[in-house]
Amino acid sequence: EVQLQASGGGLVQPGGSLRLSCVASGFTFGSYDMSWVRQAPGKGPEYVSATNSGGGTSYYADSVKGRFTISRDNAKNTAYLQMDSLKPEDTAVYYCAIPSLRARGQGTLVTVSS
């Protein structure tokens, strides 16, 4: 069974940082591209970032470019999203996903507020 578990969310002040983690199980994590998606209250899902299977290529939404960094450690079946210079508009539930498997795990809530 494909499982993805995101963690690391919380309440942070504007300008602060958080690091999200996504632990994968039930499949060969290192063989798949993965992505981070977020959904703000009352809004639809929004693509945030993606990386290829080896982690050598990354993509970012314009809204997070220069502030967020995606990475992965295939030996640990884990992906990360380092989020710096957080803004209130980054408030959302963040999910990790494997698009080609149509898999998305339980999300973690990030709240940016003073």
C-alpha atoms as a PDB file:
ATOM      1  CA  GLU A   1       0.000   0.000   0.000  1.00  0.00           C
ATOM      2  CA  VAL A   2       1.349   3.392  -1.011  1.00  0.00           C
ATOM      3  CA  GLN A   3       1.610   5.672   1.994  1.00  0.00           C
ATOM      4  CA  LEU A   4       2.814   9.253   2.279  1.00  0.00           C
ATOM      5  CA  GLN A   5       2.961  10.992   5.635  1.00  0.00           C
ATOM      6  CA  ALA A   6       3.720  14.683   5.839  1.00  0.00           C
ATOM      7  CA  SER A   7       4.784  16.357   9.073  1.00  0.00           C
ATOM      8  CA  GLY A   8       6.497  19.468  10.373  1.00  0.00           C
ATOM      9  CA  GLY A   9       3.709  21.997  10.095  1.00  0.00           C
ATOM     10  CA  GLY A  10       2.775  24.443  12.795  1.00  0.00           C
ATOM     11  CA  LEU A  11       2.242  28.076  13.699  1.00  0.00           C
ATOM     12  CA  VAL A  12       4.993  30.475  12.659  1.00  0.00           C
ATOM     13  CA  GLN A  13       5.285  34.246  12.507  1.00  0.00           C
ATOM     14  CA  PRO A  14       5.647  36.047   9.196  1.00  0.00           C
ATOM     15  CA  GLY A  15       9.257  35.912   8.077  1.00  0.00           C
ATOM     16  CA  GLY A  16       9.846  32.663   9.905  1.00  0.00           C
ATOM     17  CA  SER A  17      10.830  29.226   8.651  1.00  0.00           C
ATOM     18  CA  LEU A  18       9.538  25.689   8.762  1.00  0.00           C
ATOM     19  CA  ARG A  19      10.800  22.413   7.365  1.00  0.00           C
ATOM     20  CA  LEU A  20       8.249  19.882   6.213  1.00  0.00           C
ATOM     21  CA  SER A  21       9.042  16.193   5.859  1.00  0.00           C
ATOM     22  CA  CYS A  22       7.287  13.487   3.863  1.00  0.00           C
ATOM     23  CA  VAL A  23       7.985   9.849   4.641  1.00  0.00           C
ATOM     24  CA  ALA A  24       7.035   7.359   1.939  1.00  0.00           C
ATOM     25  CA  SER A  25       6.375   3.642   2.197  1.00  0.00           C
ATOM     26  CA  GLY A  26       4.850   0.819   0.207  1.00  0.00           C
ATOM     27  CA  PHE A  27       6.650   1.588  -3.058  1.00  0.00           C
ATOM     28  CA  THR A  28      10.102   2.348  -4.446  1.00  0.00           C
ATOM     29  CA  PHE A  29      10.251   6.026  -3.544  1.00  0.00           C
ATOM     30  CA  GLY A  30      13.451   6.697  -5.428  1.00  0.00           C
ATOM     31  CA  SER A  31      11.869   5.692  -8.731  1.00  0.00           C
ATOM     32  CA  TYR A  32       9.269   8.441  -8.793  1.00  0.00           C
ATOM     33  CA  ASP A  33       9.048  12.177  -9.214  1.00  0.00           C
ATOM     34  CA  MET A  34       7.332  13.780  -6.260  1.00  0.00           C
ATOM     35  CA  SER A  35       5.650  17.074  -5.534  1.00  0.00           C
ATOM     36  CA  TRP A  36       4.295  19.281  -2.791  1.00  0.00           C
ATOM     37  CA  VAL A  37       0.793  20.700  -3.102  1.00  0.00           C
ATOM     38  CA  ARG A  38      -1.047  23.012  -0.735  1.00  0.00           C
ATOM     39  CA  GLN A  39      -4.642  23.941  -0.132  1.00  0.00           C
ATOM     40  CA  ALA A  40      -5.569  27.129   1.637  1.00  0.00           C
ATOM     41  CA  PRO A  41      -8.867  27.435   3.529  1.00  0.00           C
ATOM     42  CA  GLY A  42     -11.718  27.863   1.072  1.00  0.00           C
ATOM     43  CA  LYS A  43      -9.480  27.476  -1.987  1.00  0.00           C
ATOM     44  CA  GLY A  44      -8.548  24.730  -4.405  1.00  0.00           C
ATOM     45  CA  PRO A  45      -5.272  22.813  -4.466  1.00  0.00           C
ATOM     46  CA  GLU A  46      -2.196  24.738  -5.564  1.00  0.00           C
ATOM     47  CA  TYR A  47       1.015  23.250  -6.907  1.00  0.00           C
ATOM     48  CA  VAL A  48       3.996  24.350  -4.822  1.00  0.00           C
ATOM     49  CA  SER A  49       7.080  22.449  -5.908  1.00  0.00           C
ATOM     50  CA  ALA A  50       8.288  19.234  -7.520  1.00  0.00           C
ATOM     51  CA  THR A  51      11.481  17.274  -7.958  1.00  0.00           C
ATOM     52  CA  ASN A  52      12.477  14.422 -10.205  1.00  0.00           C
ATOM     53  CA  SER A  53      13.186  10.919  -8.947  1.00  0.00           C
ATOM     54  CA  GLY A  54      16.878  11.533  -8.370  1.00  0.00           C
ATOM     55  CA  GLY A  55      16.423  14.943  -6.833  1.00  0.00           C
ATOM     56  CA  GLY A  56      18.616  16.695  -9.341  1.00  0.00           C
ATOM     57  CA  THR A  57      15.900  18.814 -10.934  1.00  0.00           C
ATOM     58  CA  SER A  58      13.418  20.995  -9.090  1.00  0.00           C
ATOM     59  CA  TYR A  59      10.477  23.176 -10.007  1.00  0.00           C
ATOM     60  CA  TYR A  60       8.716  25.880  -8.040  1.00  0.00           C
ATOM     61  CA  ALA A  61       5.541  27.891  -8.303  1.00  0.00           C
ATOM     62  CA  ASP A  62       6.249  31.562  -8.849  1.00  0.00           C
ATOM     63  CA  SER A  63       4.624  32.336  -5.509  1.00  0.00           C
ATOM     64  CA  VAL A  64       7.301  30.417  -3.580  1.00  0.00           C
ATOM     65  CA  LYS A  65      10.332  30.687  -5.833  1.00  0.00           C
ATOM     66  CA  GLY A  66      13.368  31.933  -3.929  1.00  0.00           C
ATOM     67  CA  ARG A  67      11.780  31.174  -0.554  1.00  0.00           C
ATOM     68  CA  PHE A  68      11.110  27.424  -0.612  1.00  0.00           C
ATOM     69  CA  THR A  69      13.582  24.610  -1.300  1.00  0.00           C
ATOM     70  CA  ILE A  70      12.594  21.051  -2.134  1.00  0.00           C
ATOM     71  CA  SER A  71      14.915  18.125  -1.511  1.00  0.00           C
ATOM     72  CA  ARG A  72      14.813  14.384  -1.024  1.00  0.00           C
ATOM     73  CA  ASP A  73      16.826  11.593   0.557  1.00  0.00           C
ATOM     74  CA  ASN A  74      15.938   8.424  -1.317  1.00  0.00           C
ATOM     75  CA  ALA A  75      17.939   6.289   1.111  1.00  0.00           C
ATOM     76  CA  LYS A  76      15.538   7.431   3.834  1.00  0.00           C
ATOM     77  CA  ASN A  77      12.419   7.413   1.613  1.00  0.00           C
ATOM     78  CA  THR A  78      11.904  10.998   2.671  1.00  0.00           C
ATOM     79  CA  ALA A  79      11.310  14.307   0.951  1.00  0.00           C
ATOM     80  CA  TYR A  80      11.582  17.756   2.447  1.00  0.00           C
ATOM     81  CA  LEU A  81      10.272  21.244   1.859  1.00  0.00           C
ATOM     82  CA  GLN A  82      12.304  23.996   3.497  1.00  0.00           C
ATOM     83  CA  MET A  83      10.137  27.081   3.748  1.00  0.00           C
ATOM     84  CA  ASP A  84      11.787  30.414   4.552  1.00  0.00           C
ATOM     85  CA  SER A  85      10.506  33.991   4.639  1.00  0.00           C
ATOM     86  CA  LEU A  86       7.011  32.710   5.229  1.00  0.00           C
ATOM     87  CA  LYS A  87       4.056  34.959   4.487  1.00  0.00           C
ATOM     88  CA  PRO A  88       0.471  34.848   5.750  1.00  0.00           C
ATOM     89  CA  GLU A  89      -0.628  33.783   2.266  1.00  0.00           C
ATOM     90  CA  ASP A  90       1.429  30.605   2.680  1.00  0.00           C
ATOM     91  CA  THR A  91      -1.101  29.419   5.255  1.00  0.00           C
ATOM     92  CA  ALA A  92      -2.492  26.100   4.026  1.00  0.00           C
ATOM     93  CA  VAL A  93      -2.503  22.366   4.464  1.00  0.00           C
ATOM     94  CA  TYR A  94       0.566  21.009   2.698  1.00  0.00           C
ATOM     95  CA  TYR A  95       0.527  17.595   1.056  1.00  0.00           C
ATOM     96  CA  CYS A  96       3.210  15.494  -0.539  1.00  0.00           C
ATOM     97  CA  ALA A  97       2.201  13.595  -3.641  1.00  0.00           C
ATOM     98  CA  ILE A  98       3.385  11.122  -6.243  1.00  0.00           C
ATOM     99  CA  PRO A  99       1.548  12.286  -9.358  1.00  0.00           C
ATOM    100  CA  SER A 100       2.212   9.212 -11.502  1.00  0.00           C
ATOM    101  CA  LEU A 101       0.740   6.987  -8.776  1.00  0.00           C
ATOM    102  CA  ARG A 102      -2.126   9.396  -8.160  1.00  0.00           C
ATOM    103  CA  ALA A 103      -1.103   9.225  -4.510  1.00  0.00           C
ATOM    104  CA  ARG A 104      -1.350  11.990  -1.964  1.00  0.00           C
ATOM    105  CA  GLY A 105      -0.809  11.596   1.730  1.00  0.00           C
ATOM    106  CA  GLN A 106      -2.337  13.225   4.744  1.00  0.00           C
ATOM    107  CA  GLY A 107      -1.326  16.831   4.945  1.00  0.00           C
ATOM    108  CA  THR A 108       0.257  19.005   7.572  1.00  0.00           C
ATOM    109  CA  LEU A 109      -1.142  22.408   8.492  1.00  0.00           C
ATOM    110  CA  VAL A 110       1.058  25.474   8.194  1.00  0.00           C
ATOM    111  CA  THR A 111      -0.262  28.676   9.740  1.00  0.00           C
ATOM    112  CA  VAL A 112       1.634  31.921   9.242  1.00  0.00           C
ATOM    113  CA  SER A 113       0.341  34.571  11.588  1.00  0.00           C
ATOM    114  CA  SER A 114       1.529  37.115  14.096  1.00  0.00           C
END
